[in-house]
Amino acid sequence: MAHLSLTNTLNTVTSSHAARLAAIRDRLPTTIVALLLLSAVVAAMLVGREQGASGEADIAGTVCFILLVSFVTFVTLDLNQPDRGLITVSQEPMQRLLSTMSE
């Protein structure tokens, strides 16, 4: 019965490791990143064009919109790189597991 428990635990560790490796290797394709950046630029241009055509300048709304689009783009690109940037994936659980295995 103990061998079954050990086998299940080993299978869980193996599949968790495979999932972690897949998450690190899988990145957004360059075309998707380019499309994201292009859509942000086009959205900002359309806001500027609309304000130019109406003759009214809503500075606060424009700045808030550009900041929001920039923030969403930044977070998307930062999540695309889990090993660096402001949003990182902690390696502490894997290090803790390794330390218990070496004891």
C-alpha atoms as a PDB file:
ATOM      1  CA  MET A   1       0.000   0.000   0.000  1.00  0.00           C
ATOM      2  CA  ALA A   2       2.916   2.342   0.734  1.00  0.00           C
ATOM      3  CA  HIS A   3       4.281   1.847  -2.764  1.00  0.00           C
ATOM      4  CA  LEU A   4       0.973   3.054  -4.205  1.00  0.00           C
ATOM      5  CA  SER A   5       1.158   6.251  -2.171  1.00  0.00           C
ATOM      6  CA  LEU A   6       4.748   6.813  -3.264  1.00  0.00           C
ATOM      7  CA  THR A   7       3.811   6.200  -6.903  1.00  0.00           C
ATOM      8  CA  ASN A   8       0.924   8.687  -6.738  1.00  0.00           C
ATOM      9  CA  THR A   9       3.153  11.302  -5.115  1.00  0.00           C
ATOM     10  CA  LEU A  10       5.863  10.788  -7.723  1.00  0.00           C
ATOM     11  CA  ASN A  11       3.296  11.086 -10.530  1.00  0.00           C
ATOM     12  CA  THR A  12       2.004  14.335  -9.016  1.00  0.00           C
ATOM     13  CA  VAL A  13       5.516  15.784  -8.766  1.00  0.00           C
ATOM     14  CA  THR A  14       6.274  14.759 -12.348  1.00  0.00           C
ATOM     15  CA  SER A  15       3.089  16.282 -13.765  1.00  0.00           C
ATOM     16  CA  SER A  16       3.569  19.463 -11.699  1.00  0.00           C
ATOM     17  CA  HIS A  17       7.099  19.783 -13.029  1.00  0.00           C
ATOM     18  CA  ALA A  18       5.890  19.281 -16.602  1.00  0.00           C
ATOM     19  CA  ALA A  19       3.196  21.939 -16.097  1.00  0.00           C
ATOM     20  CA  ARG A  20       5.763  24.400 -14.702  1.00  0.00           C
ATOM     21  CA  LEU A  21       8.097  23.809 -17.644  1.00  0.00           C
ATOM     22  CA  ALA A  22       5.258  24.277 -20.112  1.00  0.00           C
ATOM     23  CA  ALA A  23       4.257  27.550 -18.435  1.00  0.00           C
ATOM     24  CA  ILE A  24       7.813  28.844 -18.662  1.00  0.00           C
ATOM     25  CA  ARG A  25       8.304  27.780 -22.289  1.00  0.00           C
ATOM     26  CA  ASP A  26       4.942  28.953 -23.601  1.00  0.00           C
ATOM     27  CA  ARG A  27       5.132  32.583 -24.616  1.00  0.00           C
ATOM     28  CA  LEU A  28       2.929  34.850 -26.642  1.00  0.00           C
ATOM     29  CA  PRO A  29       3.868  34.673 -30.304  1.00  0.00           C
ATOM     30  CA  THR A  30       5.593  37.759 -31.689  1.00  0.00           C
ATOM     31  CA  THR A  31       2.651  38.435 -33.985  1.00  0.00           C
ATOM     32  CA  ILE A  32       0.280  38.609 -31.001  1.00  0.00           C
ATOM     33  CA  VAL A  33       2.590  41.030 -29.167  1.00  0.00           C
ATOM     34  CA  ALA A  34       2.845  43.166 -32.310  1.00  0.00           C
ATOM     35  CA  LEU A  35      -0.945  43.106 -32.685  1.00  0.00           C
ATOM     36  CA  LEU A  36      -1.355  44.167 -29.052  1.00  0.00           C
ATOM     37  CA  LEU A  37       1.020  47.095 -29.488  1.00  0.00           C
ATOM     38  CA  LEU A  38      -0.537  48.078 -32.812  1.00  0.00           C
ATOM     39  CA  SER A  39      -4.043  48.068 -31.349  1.00  0.00           C
ATOM     40  CA  ALA A  40      -2.872  50.289 -28.464  1.00  0.00           C
ATOM     41  CA  VAL A  41      -1.369  52.787 -30.901  1.00  0.00           C
ATOM     42  CA  VAL A  42      -4.443  52.757 -33.144  1.00  0.00           C
ATOM     43  CA  ALA A  43      -6.758  53.276 -30.149  1.00  0.00           C
ATOM     44  CA  ALA A  44      -4.718  56.302 -29.032  1.00  0.00           C
ATOM     45  CA  MET A  45      -4.714  57.693 -32.568  1.00  0.00           C
ATOM     46  CA  LEU A  46      -8.491  57.318 -32.853  1.00  0.00           C
ATOM     47  CA  VAL A  47      -9.017  59.168 -29.576  1.00  0.00           C
ATOM     48  CA  GLY A  48      -6.772  61.993 -30.820  1.00  0.00           C
ATOM     49  CA  ARG A  49      -8.514  62.098 -34.185  1.00  0.00           C
ATOM     50  CA  GLU A  50     -11.960  62.266 -32.550  1.00  0.00           C
ATOM     51  CA  GLN A  51     -10.894  65.113 -30.293  1.00  0.00           C
ATOM     52  CA  GLY A  52      -9.332  66.952 -33.227  1.00  0.00           C
ATOM     53  CA  ALA A  53     -12.502  66.598 -35.297  1.00  0.00           C
ATOM     54  CA  SER A  54     -14.796  67.775 -32.497  1.00  0.00           C
ATOM     55  CA  GLY A  55     -12.586  70.724 -31.590  1.00  0.00           C
ATOM     56  CA  GLU A  56     -12.904  69.906 -27.884  1.00  0.00           C
ATOM     57  CA  ALA A  57      -9.953  68.706 -25.860  1.00  0.00           C
ATOM     58  CA  ASP A  58     -10.734  66.413 -22.932  1.00  0.00           C
ATOM     59  CA  ILE A  59      -7.248  66.155 -21.481  1.00  0.00           C
ATOM     60  CA  ALA A  60      -8.232  64.210 -18.353  1.00  0.00           C
ATOM     61  CA  GLY A  61     -10.198  61.601 -20.305  1.00  0.00           C
ATOM     62  CA  THR A  62      -7.449  61.220 -22.881  1.00  0.00           C
ATOM     63  CA  VAL A  63      -4.721  60.812 -20.280  1.00  0.00           C
ATOM     64  CA  CYS A  64      -6.808  58.281 -18.319  1.00  0.00           C
ATOM     65  CA  PHE A  65      -7.541  56.307 -21.492  1.00  0.00           C
ATOM     66  CA  ILE A  66      -3.894  56.220 -22.566  1.00  0.00           C
ATOM     67  CA  LEU A  67      -2.781  55.240 -19.054  1.00  0.00           C
ATOM     68  CA  LEU A  68      -5.360  52.454 -18.953  1.00  0.00           C
ATOM     69  CA  VAL A  69      -4.345  51.065 -22.352  1.00  0.00           C
ATOM     70  CA  SER A  70      -0.663  51.334 -21.390  1.00  0.00           C
ATOM     71  CA  PHE A  71      -1.290  49.558 -18.086  1.00  0.00           C
ATOM     72  CA  VAL A  72      -3.164  46.689 -19.738  1.00  0.00           C
ATOM     73  CA  THR A  73      -0.423  46.312 -22.346  1.00  0.00           C
ATOM     74  CA  PHE A  74       2.299  46.378 -19.683  1.00  0.00           C
ATOM     75  CA  VAL A  75       0.566  43.773 -17.500  1.00  0.00           C
ATOM     76  CA  THR A  76      -0.036  41.493 -20.488  1.00  0.00           C
ATOM     77  CA  LEU A  77       3.602  41.671 -21.542  1.00  0.00           C
ATOM     78  CA  ASP A  78       4.811  41.266 -17.945  1.00  0.00           C
ATOM     79  CA  LEU A  79       2.673  38.156 -17.433  1.00  0.00           C
ATOM     80  CA  ASN A  80       4.193  36.780 -20.618  1.00  0.00           C
ATOM     81  CA  GLN A  81       7.561  36.605 -18.803  1.00  0.00           C
ATOM     82  CA  PRO A  82       6.947  34.791 -15.481  1.00  0.00           C
ATOM     83  CA  ASP A  83      10.644  34.605 -14.562  1.00  0.00           C
ATOM     84  CA  ARG A  84      11.341  38.356 -14.672  1.00  0.00           C
ATOM     85  CA  GLY A  85       9.549  41.678 -14.490  1.00  0.00           C
ATOM     86  CA  LEU A  86       7.305  43.074 -11.781  1.00  0.00           C
ATOM     87  CA  ILE A  87       4.973  40.056 -11.698  1.00  0.00           C
ATOM     88  CA  THR A  88       7.041  36.918 -11.096  1.00  0.00           C
ATOM     89  CA  VAL A  89       6.209  33.328 -10.296  1.00  0.00           C
ATOM     90  CA  SER A  90       7.710  32.246  -6.984  1.00  0.00           C
ATOM     91  CA  GLN A  91      10.166  29.366  -7.121  1.00  0.00           C
ATOM     92  CA  GLU A  92       9.938  28.884  -3.342  1.00  0.00           C
ATOM     93  CA  PRO A  93       7.649  25.792  -3.414  1.00  0.00           C
ATOM     94  CA  MET A  94      10.040  23.987  -5.755  1.00  0.00           C
ATOM     95  CA  GLN A  95      13.046  24.981  -3.640  1.00  0.00           C
ATOM     96  CA  ARG A  96      11.270  23.764  -0.491  1.00  0.00           C
ATOM     97  CA  LEU A  97      10.532  20.437  -2.177  1.00  0.00           C
ATOM     98  CA  LEU A  98      14.164  20.065  -3.228  1.00  0.00           C
ATOM     99  CA  SER A  99      15.366  20.820   0.288  1.00  0.00           C
ATOM    100  CA  THR A 100      13.101  18.136   1.766  1.00  0.00           C
ATOM    101  CA  MET A 101      14.345  15.602  -0.792  1.00  0.00           C
ATOM    102  CA  SER A 102      18.002  16.181   0.072  1.00  0.00           C
ATOM    103  CA  GLU A 103      17.467  15.597   3.802  1.00  0.00           C
END
